[in-house]
Amino acid sequence: MSSFELNLVESELKIILEALIELETKMATICDTSDDEDEIADVGNDLIEIRLLLKPLKEKAISKYGENIVNFSRESL
């Protein structure tokens, strides 16, 4: 398997994390609410892949930038 390296600044990483977490949430909701077994299987397989990508990415991001990297609130401080 070949690999792909990408250098991101904190703000770019935050955008990617937010998008992946939002996608994970949407996919989990589909799996929890759908009556279509084929849809659940397809989305469920993709959900597993998203989670396999997201978990180490999130852990590394938190390790480097702190817990605030996964705070996506739009409220002012």
PDB file of N, CA and C in Angstrom:
ATOM      1  N   MET A   1       0.842  -1.176   0.000  1.00  0.00           N
ATOM      2  CA  MET A   1       0.000   0.000   0.000  1.00  0.00           C
ATOM      3  C   MET A   1       0.891   1.244   0.000  1.00  0.00           C
ATOM      4  N   SER A   2       0.587   2.170  -0.865  1.00  0.00           N
ATOM      5  CA  SER A   2       1.350   3.414  -0.893  1.00  0.00           C
ATOM      6  C   SER A   2       0.757   4.390   0.122  1.00  0.00           C
ATOM      7  N   SER A   3       1.549   5.380   0.490  1.00  0.00           N
ATOM      8  CA  SER A   3       1.069   6.356   1.461  1.00  0.00           C
ATOM      9  C   SER A   3       1.084   7.749   0.849  1.00  0.00           C
ATOM     10  N   PHE A   4       0.364   8.638   1.497  1.00  0.00           N
ATOM     11  CA  PHE A   4       0.216  10.010   1.034  1.00  0.00           C
ATOM     12  C   PHE A   4       0.455  10.914   2.229  1.00  0.00           C
ATOM     13  N   GLU A   5       1.386  11.819   2.122  1.00  0.00           N
ATOM     14  CA  GLU A   5       1.679  12.738   3.214  1.00  0.00           C
ATOM     15  C   GLU A   5       1.116  14.112   2.899  1.00  0.00           C
ATOM     16  N   LEU A   6       0.643  14.763   3.940  1.00  0.00           N
ATOM     17  CA  LEU A   6       0.036  16.074   3.790  1.00  0.00           C
ATOM     18  C   LEU A   6       0.364  16.897   5.032  1.00  0.00           C
ATOM     19  N   ASN A   7       0.866  18.082   4.838  1.00  0.00           N
ATOM     20  CA  ASN A   7       1.157  18.984   5.949  1.00  0.00           C
ATOM     21  C   ASN A   7       0.029  19.995   6.067  1.00  0.00           C
ATOM     22  N   LEU A   8      -0.532  20.101   7.274  1.00  0.00           N
ATOM     23  CA  LEU A   8      -1.643  21.015   7.516  1.00  0.00           C
ATOM     24  C   LEU A   8      -1.330  21.931   8.686  1.00  0.00           C
ATOM     25  N   VAL A   9      -1.797  23.153   8.594  1.00  0.00           N
ATOM     26  CA  VAL A   9      -1.742  24.033   9.761  1.00  0.00           C
ATOM     27  C   VAL A   9      -2.955  23.695  10.634  1.00  0.00           C
ATOM     28  N   GLU A  10      -2.935  24.169  11.862  1.00  0.00           N
ATOM     29  CA  GLU A  10      -3.982  23.821  12.823  1.00  0.00           C
ATOM     30  C   GLU A  10      -5.386  24.124  12.295  1.00  0.00           C
ATOM     31  N   SER A  11      -5.582  25.260  11.692  1.00  0.00           N
ATOM     32  CA  SER A  11      -6.923  25.633  11.208  1.00  0.00           C
ATOM     33  C   SER A  11      -7.407  24.703  10.099  1.00  0.00           C
ATOM     34  N   GLU A  12      -6.514  24.254   9.247  1.00  0.00           N
ATOM     35  CA  GLU A  12      -6.890  23.319   8.188  1.00  0.00           C
ATOM     36  C   GLU A  12      -7.257  21.952   8.761  1.00  0.00           C
ATOM     37  N   LEU A  13      -6.465  21.500   9.720  1.00  0.00           N
ATOM     38  CA  LEU A  13      -6.739  20.223  10.374  1.00  0.00           C
ATOM     39  C   LEU A  13      -8.084  20.263  11.091  1.00  0.00           C
ATOM     40  N   LYS A  14      -8.379  21.385  11.712  1.00  0.00           N
ATOM     41  CA  LYS A  14      -9.652  21.543  12.418  1.00  0.00           C
ATOM     42  C   LYS A  14     -10.829  21.412  11.455  1.00  0.00           C
ATOM     43  N   ILE A  15     -10.713  21.977  10.274  1.00  0.00           N
ATOM     44  CA  ILE A  15     -11.771  21.885   9.262  1.00  0.00           C
ATOM     45  C   ILE A  15     -11.973  20.423   8.840  1.00  0.00           C
ATOM     46  N   ILE A  16     -10.889  19.712   8.613  1.00  0.00           N
ATOM     47  CA  ILE A  16     -10.974  18.308   8.208  1.00  0.00           C
ATOM     48  C   ILE A  16     -11.578  17.459   9.318  1.00  0.00           C
ATOM     49  N   LEU A  17     -11.149  17.680  10.545  1.00  0.00           N
ATOM     50  CA  LEU A  17     -11.710  16.929  11.676  1.00  0.00           C
ATOM     51  C   LEU A  17     -13.203  17.188  11.824  1.00  0.00           C
ATOM     52  N   GLU A  18     -13.601  18.438  11.710  1.00  0.00           N
ATOM     53  CA  GLU A  18     -15.023  18.770  11.845  1.00  0.00           C
ATOM     54  C   GLU A  18     -15.842  18.070  10.754  1.00  0.00           C
ATOM     55  N   ALA A  19     -15.346  18.085   9.536  1.00  0.00           N
ATOM     56  CA  ALA A  19     -16.061  17.443   8.434  1.00  0.00           C
ATOM     57  C   ALA A  19     -16.157  15.928   8.639  1.00  0.00           C
ATOM     58  N   LEU A  20     -15.079  15.303   9.053  1.00  0.00           N
ATOM     59  CA  LEU A  20     -15.088  13.858   9.282  1.00  0.00           C
ATOM     60  C   LEU A  20     -16.015  13.475  10.437  1.00  0.00           C
ATOM     61  N   ILE A  21     -16.002  14.259  11.493  1.00  0.00           N
ATOM     62  CA  ILE A  21     -16.873  13.974  12.633  1.00  0.00           C
ATOM     63  C   ILE A  21     -18.333  14.167  12.243  1.00  0.00           C
ATOM     64  N   GLU A  22     -18.625  15.183  11.460  1.00  0.00           N
ATOM     65  CA  GLU A  22     -19.991  15.402  10.978  1.00  0.00           C
ATOM     66  C   GLU A  22     -20.437  14.245  10.081  1.00  0.00           C
ATOM     67  N   LEU A  23     -19.558  13.801   9.195  1.00  0.00           N
ATOM     68  CA  LEU A  23     -19.868  12.675   8.322  1.00  0.00           C
ATOM     69  C   LEU A  23     -20.098  11.405   9.138  1.00  0.00           C
ATOM     70  N   GLU A  24     -19.246  11.182  10.137  1.00  0.00           N
ATOM     71  CA  GLU A  24     -19.405  10.008  11.001  1.00  0.00           C
ATOM     72  C   GLU A  24     -20.775  10.034  11.691  1.00  0.00           C
ATOM     73  N   THR A  25     -21.169  11.179  12.187  1.00  0.00           N
ATOM     74  CA  THR A  25     -22.455  11.321  12.863  1.00  0.00           C
ATOM     75  C   THR A  25     -23.612  11.032  11.906  1.00  0.00           C
ATOM     76  N   LYS A  26     -23.555  11.578  10.706  1.00  0.00           N
ATOM     77  CA  LYS A  26     -24.616  11.352   9.711  1.00  0.00           C
ATOM     78  C   LYS A  26     -24.711   9.874   9.345  1.00  0.00           C
ATOM     79  N   MET A  27     -23.565   9.243   9.152  1.00  0.00           N
ATOM     80  CA  MET A  27     -23.563   7.830   8.782  1.00  0.00           C
ATOM     81  C   MET A  27     -24.086   6.958   9.924  1.00  0.00           C
ATOM     82  N   ALA A  28     -23.700   7.266  11.140  1.00  0.00           N
ATOM     83  CA  ALA A  28     -24.182   6.507  12.294  1.00  0.00           C
ATOM     84  C   ALA A  28     -25.697   6.654  12.428  1.00  0.00           C
ATOM     85  N   THR A  29     -26.212   7.845  12.168  1.00  0.00           N
ATOM     86  CA  THR A  29     -27.653   8.073  12.232  1.00  0.00           C
ATOM     87  C   THR A  29     -28.374   7.235  11.180  1.00  0.00           C
ATOM     88  N   ILE A  30     -27.828   7.176   9.982  1.00  0.00           N
ATOM     89  CA  ILE A  30     -28.424   6.347   8.934  1.00  0.00           C
ATOM     90  C   ILE A  30     -28.454   4.889   9.366  1.00  0.00           C
ATOM     91  N   CYS A  31     -27.350   4.404   9.897  1.00  0.00           N
ATOM     92  CA  CYS A  31     -27.282   3.009  10.347  1.00  0.00           C
ATOM     93  C   CYS A  31     -28.273   2.726  11.471  1.00  0.00           C
ATOM     94  N   ASP A  32     -28.505   3.719  12.326  1.00  0.00           N
ATOM     95  CA  ASP A  32     -29.410   3.541  13.465  1.00  0.00           C
ATOM     96  C   ASP A  32     -30.879   3.666  13.089  1.00  0.00           C
ATOM     97  N   THR A  33     -31.180   4.368  12.000  1.00  0.00           N
ATOM     98  CA  THR A  33     -32.584   4.674  11.703  1.00  0.00           C
ATOM     99  C   THR A  33     -33.116   4.040  10.424  1.00  0.00           C
ATOM    100  N   SER A  34     -32.255   3.578   9.547  1.00  0.00           N
ATOM    101  CA  SER A  34     -32.708   3.046   8.264  1.00  0.00           C
ATOM    102  C   SER A  34     -33.363   1.676   8.426  1.00  0.00           C
ATOM    103  N   ASP A  35     -34.341   1.412   7.583  1.00  0.00           N
ATOM    104  CA  ASP A  35     -34.984   0.101   7.513  1.00  0.00           C
ATOM    105  C   ASP A  35     -34.447  -0.717   6.341  1.00  0.00           C
ATOM    106  N   ASP A  36     -33.587  -0.107   5.544  1.00  0.00           N
ATOM    107  CA  ASP A  36     -33.033  -0.747   4.351  1.00  0.00           C
ATOM    108  C   ASP A  36     -31.727  -1.457   4.713  1.00  0.00           C
ATOM    109  N   GLU A  37     -31.758  -2.773   4.709  1.00  0.00           N
ATOM    110  CA  GLU A  37     -30.586  -3.553   5.107  1.00  0.00           C
ATOM    111  C   GLU A  37     -29.388  -3.313   4.191  1.00  0.00           C
ATOM    112  N   ASP A  38     -29.635  -3.119   2.904  1.00  0.00           N
ATOM    113  CA  ASP A  38     -28.533  -2.848   1.970  1.00  0.00           C
ATOM    114  C   ASP A  38     -27.888  -1.497   2.269  1.00  0.00           C
ATOM    115  N   GLU A  39     -28.721  -0.503   2.546  1.00  0.00           N
ATOM    116  CA  GLU A  39     -28.204   0.817   2.882  1.00  0.00           C
ATOM    117  C   GLU A  39     -27.384   0.745   4.174  1.00  0.00           C
ATOM    118  N   ILE A  40     -27.897   0.047   5.165  1.00  0.00           N
ATOM    119  CA  ILE A  40     -27.189  -0.087   6.435  1.00  0.00           C
ATOM    120  C   ILE A  40     -25.841  -0.764   6.226  1.00  0.00           C
ATOM    121  N   ALA A  41     -25.812  -1.802   5.393  1.00  0.00           N
ATOM    122  CA  ALA A  41     -24.554  -2.505   5.128  1.00  0.00           C
ATOM    123  C   ALA A  41     -23.558  -1.604   4.405  1.00  0.00           C
ATOM    124  N   ASP A  42     -24.016  -0.905   3.379  1.00  0.00           N
ATOM    125  CA  ASP A  42     -23.129  -0.023   2.605  1.00  0.00           C
ATOM    126  C   ASP A  42     -22.602   1.132   3.456  1.00  0.00           C
ATOM    127  N   VAL A  43     -23.513   1.812   4.126  1.00  0.00           N
ATOM    128  CA  VAL A  43     -23.119   2.950   4.945  1.00  0.00           C
ATOM    129  C   VAL A  43     -22.293   2.473   6.142  1.00  0.00           C
ATOM    130  N   GLY A  44     -22.665   1.328   6.690  1.00  0.00           N
ATOM    131  CA  GLY A  44     -21.927   0.779   7.827  1.00  0.00           C
ATOM    132  C   GLY A  44     -20.484   0.468   7.480  1.00  0.00           C
ATOM    133  N   ASN A  45     -20.260  -0.083   6.296  1.00  0.00           N
ATOM    134  CA  ASN A  45     -18.886  -0.357   5.857  1.00  0.00           C
ATOM    135  C   ASN A  45     -18.086   0.933   5.711  1.00  0.00           C
ATOM    136  N   ASP A  46     -18.713   1.945   5.130  1.00  0.00           N
ATOM    137  CA  ASP A  46     -18.037   3.241   4.991  1.00  0.00           C
ATOM    138  C   ASP A  46     -17.795   3.879   6.357  1.00  0.00           C
ATOM    139  N   LEU A  47     -18.735   3.691   7.271  1.00  0.00           N
ATOM    140  CA  LEU A  47     -18.599   4.228   8.621  1.00  0.00           C
ATOM    141  C   LEU A  47     -17.389   3.620   9.324  1.00  0.00           C
ATOM    142  N   ILE A  48     -17.181   2.345   9.146  1.00  0.00           N
ATOM    143  CA  ILE A  48     -16.009   1.688   9.730  1.00  0.00           C
ATOM    144  C   ILE A  48     -14.732   2.330   9.199  1.00  0.00           C
ATOM    145  N   GLU A  49     -14.673   2.557   7.895  1.00  0.00           N
ATOM    146  CA  GLU A  49     -13.496   3.184   7.283  1.00  0.00           C
ATOM    147  C   GLU A  49     -13.274   4.596   7.813  1.00  0.00           C
ATOM    148  N   ILE A  50     -14.359   5.365   7.949  1.00  0.00           N
ATOM    149  CA  ILE A  50     -14.259   6.724   8.485  1.00  0.00           C
ATOM    150  C   ILE A  50     -13.698   6.680   9.902  1.00  0.00           C
ATOM    151  N   ARG A  51     -14.207   5.765  10.705  1.00  0.00           N
ATOM    152  CA  ARG A  51     -13.749   5.669  12.100  1.00  0.00           C
ATOM    153  C   ARG A  51     -12.290   5.228  12.186  1.00  0.00           C
ATOM    154  N   LEU A  52     -11.871   4.341  11.282  1.00  0.00           N
ATOM    155  CA  LEU A  52     -10.471   3.909  11.261  1.00  0.00           C
ATOM    156  C   LEU A  52      -9.546   5.058  10.881  1.00  0.00           C
ATOM    157  N   LEU A  53     -10.008   5.957  10.066  1.00  0.00           N
ATOM    158  CA  LEU A  53      -9.243   7.146   9.701  1.00  0.00           C
ATOM    159  C   LEU A  53      -9.297   8.193  10.812  1.00  0.00           C
ATOM    160  N   LEU A  54     -10.489   8.411  11.344  1.00  0.00           N
ATOM    161  CA  LEU A  54     -10.717   9.490  12.289  1.00  0.00           C
ATOM    162  C   LEU A  54     -10.033   9.276  13.631  1.00  0.00           C
ATOM    163  N   LYS A  55     -10.068   8.079  14.160  1.00  0.00           N
ATOM    164  CA  LYS A  55      -9.538   7.845  15.503  1.00  0.00           C
ATOM    165  C   LYS A  55      -8.070   8.252  15.644  1.00  0.00           C
ATOM    166  N   PRO A  56      -7.147   7.725  14.813  1.00  0.00           N
ATOM    167  CA  PRO A  56      -5.747   8.140  14.984  1.00  0.00           C
ATOM    168  C   PRO A  56      -5.511   9.606  14.620  1.00  0.00           C
ATOM    169  N   LEU A  57      -6.249  10.113  13.644  1.00  0.00           N
ATOM    170  CA  LEU A  57      -6.107  11.516  13.258  1.00  0.00           C
ATOM    171  C   LEU A  57      -6.504  12.421  14.417  1.00  0.00           C
ATOM    172  N   LYS A  58      -7.608  12.105  15.056  1.00  0.00           N
ATOM    173  CA  LYS A  58      -8.086  12.884  16.192  1.00  0.00           C
ATOM    174  C   LYS A  58      -7.103  12.798  17.366  1.00  0.00           C
ATOM    175  N   GLU A  59      -6.608  11.599  17.642  1.00  0.00           N
ATOM    176  CA  GLU A  59      -5.655  11.425  18.738  1.00  0.00           C
ATOM    177  C   GLU A  59      -4.379  12.226  18.508  1.00  0.00           C
ATOM    178  N   LYS A  60      -3.850  12.180  17.292  1.00  0.00           N
ATOM    179  CA  LYS A  60      -2.631  12.929  16.979  1.00  0.00           C
ATOM    180  C   LYS A  60      -2.877  14.438  17.041  1.00  0.00           C
ATOM    181  N   ALA A  61      -4.035  14.861  16.560  1.00  0.00           N
ATOM    182  CA  ALA A  61      -4.366  16.288  16.575  1.00  0.00           C
ATOM    183  C   ALA A  61      -4.478  16.806  18.006  1.00  0.00           C
ATOM    184  N   ILE A  62      -5.148  16.042  18.864  1.00  0.00           N
ATOM    185  CA  ILE A  62      -5.294  16.444  20.263  1.00  0.00           C
ATOM    186  C   ILE A  62      -3.933  16.461  20.950  1.00  0.00           C
ATOM    187  N   SER A  63      -3.106  15.468  20.638  1.00  0.00           N
ATOM    188  CA  SER A  63      -1.770  15.400  21.234  1.00  0.00           C
ATOM    189  C   SER A  63      -0.936  16.627  20.859  1.00  0.00           C
ATOM    190  N   LYS A  64      -1.058  17.069  19.614  1.00  0.00           N
ATOM    191  CA  LYS A  64      -0.251  18.189  19.138  1.00  0.00           C
ATOM    192  C   LYS A  64      -0.841  19.550  19.507  1.00  0.00           C
ATOM    193  N   TYR A  65      -2.171  19.699  19.386  1.00  0.00           N
ATOM    194  CA  TYR A  65      -2.786  21.018  19.536  1.00  0.00           C
ATOM    195  C   TYR A  65      -3.685  21.165  20.768  1.00  0.00           C
ATOM    196  N   GLY A  66      -3.945  20.088  21.478  1.00  0.00           N
ATOM    197  CA  GLY A  66      -4.814  20.147  22.647  1.00  0.00           C
ATOM    198  C   GLY A  66      -6.269  19.863  22.304  1.00  0.00           C
ATOM    199  N   GLU A  67      -7.071  19.715  23.351  1.00  0.00           N
ATOM    200  CA  GLU A  67      -8.494  19.353  23.200  1.00  0.00           C
ATOM    201  C   GLU A  67      -9.292  20.364  22.372  1.00  0.00           C
ATOM    202  N   ASN A  68      -8.856  21.595  22.338  1.00  0.00           N
ATOM    203  CA  ASN A  68      -9.618  22.624  21.621  1.00  0.00           C
ATOM    204  C   ASN A  68      -9.668  22.376  20.112  1.00  0.00           C
ATOM    205  N   ILE A  69      -8.797  21.533  19.613  1.00  0.00           N
ATOM    206  CA  ILE A  69      -8.798  21.226  18.170  1.00  0.00           C
ATOM    207  C   ILE A  69     -10.107  20.544  17.754  1.00  0.00           C
ATOM    208  N   VAL A  70     -10.787  19.913  18.702  1.00  0.00           N
ATOM    209  CA  VAL A  70     -12.057  19.257  18.380  1.00  0.00           C
ATOM    210  C   VAL A  70     -13.257  20.008  18.971  1.00  0.00           C
ATOM    211  N   ASN A  71     -13.043  21.267  19.330  1.00  0.00           N
ATOM    212  CA  ASN A  71     -14.139  22.133  19.776  1.00  0.00           C
ATOM    213  C   ASN A  71     -14.583  22.940  18.557  1.00  0.00           C
ATOM    214  N   PHE A  72     -15.755  22.595  18.032  1.00  0.00           N
ATOM    215  CA  PHE A  72     -16.228  23.216  16.802  1.00  0.00           C
ATOM    216  C   PHE A  72     -17.343  24.233  17.045  1.00  0.00           C
ATOM    217  N   SER A  73     -17.488  24.662  18.279  1.00  0.00           N
ATOM    218  CA  SER A  73     -18.531  25.621  18.629  1.00  0.00           C
ATOM    219  C   SER A  73     -18.313  26.927  17.867  1.00  0.00           C
ATOM    220  N   ARG A  74     -19.388  27.513  17.429  1.00  0.00           N
ATOM    221  CA  ARG A  74     -19.335  28.796  16.749  1.00  0.00           C
ATOM    222  C   ARG A  74     -19.656  29.946  17.706  1.00  0.00           C
ATOM    223  N   GLU A  75     -19.900  29.611  18.982  1.00  0.00           N
ATOM    224  CA  GLU A  75     -20.224  30.638  19.975  1.00  0.00           C
ATOM    225  C   GLU A  75     -18.973  31.468  20.284  1.00  0.00           C
ATOM    226  N   SER A  76     -19.189  32.781  20.493  1.00  0.00           N
ATOM    227  CA  SER A  76     -18.044  33.616  20.859  1.00  0.00           C
ATOM    228  C   SER A  76     -17.636  33.362  22.306  1.00  0.00           C
ATOM    229  N   LEU A  77     -16.348  33.565  22.543  1.00  0.00           N
ATOM    230  CA  LEU A  77     -15.810  33.293  23.872  1.00  0.00           C
ATOM    231  C   LEU A  77     -16.146  34.357  24.856  1.00  0.00           C
TER     232      LEU A  77
END
